[in-house]
Amino acid sequence: MAAENTETIPGWASWLAMDADGQWWCYEAEPHQHDTGWYENEVGRCLKLNDFNRVSGRGWRDSLQPINRCQQGS
């Protein structure tokens, strides 16, 4: 599963994940999973990505992915 609009991801972000409601987030440090989504692990920043297309939350548990800087053009 891949998210769209990678140009909206800040340079500090290293991880991308979708919650059960279809909302995408980016994280500075690898997040932890809880019952309906992901949460920051208290050592990094996180940001709700409002410009990302919301998709069905189906499969959200498999959505955690590292951000590929080459793909971003950074």
Protein backbone atom coordinates (compact mmCIF):
# COMPACT_ATOMS: atom_id res chain seq x y z
CA MET A 1 0.00 0.00 0.00
CA ALA A 2 1.46 3.34 -0.94
CA ALA A 3 0.39 6.83 -0.02
CA GLU A 4 0.13 9.63 -2.55
CA ASN A 5 1.41 13.23 -2.64
CA THR A 6 4.86 12.62 -1.19
CA GLU A 7 5.73 16.30 -1.75
CA THR A 8 3.71 17.18 1.37
CA ILE A 9 5.96 15.10 3.64
CA PRO A 10 8.39 17.25 5.70
CA GLY A 11 12.11 16.55 5.47
CA TRP A 12 12.35 15.34 9.09
CA ALA A 13 9.85 12.52 8.52
CA SER A 14 11.19 8.98 8.22
CA TRP A 15 8.02 6.87 8.50
CA LEU A 16 4.56 6.92 6.95
CA ALA A 17 1.45 5.09 8.21
CA MET A 18 -2.32 5.07 7.82
CA ASP A 19 -4.78 4.78 10.71
CA ALA A 20 -7.92 2.60 10.63
CA ASP A 21 -10.02 5.62 9.56
CA GLY A 22 -7.90 6.09 6.40
CA GLN A 23 -5.96 9.12 7.71
CA TRP A 24 -2.25 9.20 6.81
CA TRP A 25 0.44 10.40 9.24
CA CYS A 26 4.20 10.84 9.01
CA TYR A 27 6.60 10.20 11.90
CA GLU A 28 10.15 11.15 12.70
CA ALA A 29 10.83 7.91 14.61
CA GLU A 30 9.22 4.53 13.95
CA PRO A 31 5.74 4.66 15.53
CA HIS A 32 4.02 2.05 17.67
CA GLN A 33 0.74 0.39 16.75
CA HIS A 34 -2.40 0.60 18.91
CA ASP A 35 -5.93 -0.74 18.35
CA THR A 36 -6.97 1.72 15.61
CA GLY A 37 -3.76 3.30 14.38
CA TRP A 38 -0.25 4.42 15.19
CA TYR A 39 1.29 6.72 17.77
CA GLU A 40 4.63 8.47 18.12
CA ASN A 41 7.06 6.82 20.46
CA GLU A 42 7.86 9.95 22.52
CA VAL A 43 11.22 10.57 20.84
CA GLY A 44 10.09 12.17 17.60
CA ARG A 45 7.60 14.37 15.88
CA CYS A 46 4.45 13.35 13.99
CA LEU A 47 2.25 15.19 11.54
CA LYS A 48 -1.25 14.53 10.18
CA LEU A 49 -1.10 14.62 6.38
CA ASN A 50 -4.31 16.38 5.42
CA ASP A 51 -3.39 16.59 1.72
CA PHE A 52 -3.13 12.82 1.36
CA ASN A 53 -6.04 10.99 -0.20
CA ARG A 54 -8.04 9.17 2.43
CA VAL A 55 -8.56 5.57 1.49
CA SER A 56 -10.33 2.70 3.14
CA GLY A 57 -8.66 1.87 6.44
CA ARG A 58 -8.72 -1.77 5.43
CA GLY A 59 -5.20 -3.10 5.74
CA TRP A 60 -4.02 -0.17 7.86
CA ARG A 61 -1.97 -2.52 10.05
CA ASP A 62 0.28 -3.19 7.05
CA SER A 63 0.59 0.48 6.04
CA LEU A 64 3.70 1.39 8.06
CA GLN A 65 6.52 2.13 5.64
CA PRO A 66 9.86 3.92 5.69
CA ILE A 67 10.00 7.05 3.56
CA ASN A 68 12.25 6.67 0.54
CA ARG A 69 14.17 9.94 0.24
CA CYS A 70 15.15 9.23 -3.37
CA GLN A 71 11.46 8.94 -4.26
CA GLN A 72 10.88 12.30 -2.58
CA GLY A 73 13.65 13.99 -4.49
CA SER A 74 15.54 14.93 -1.30
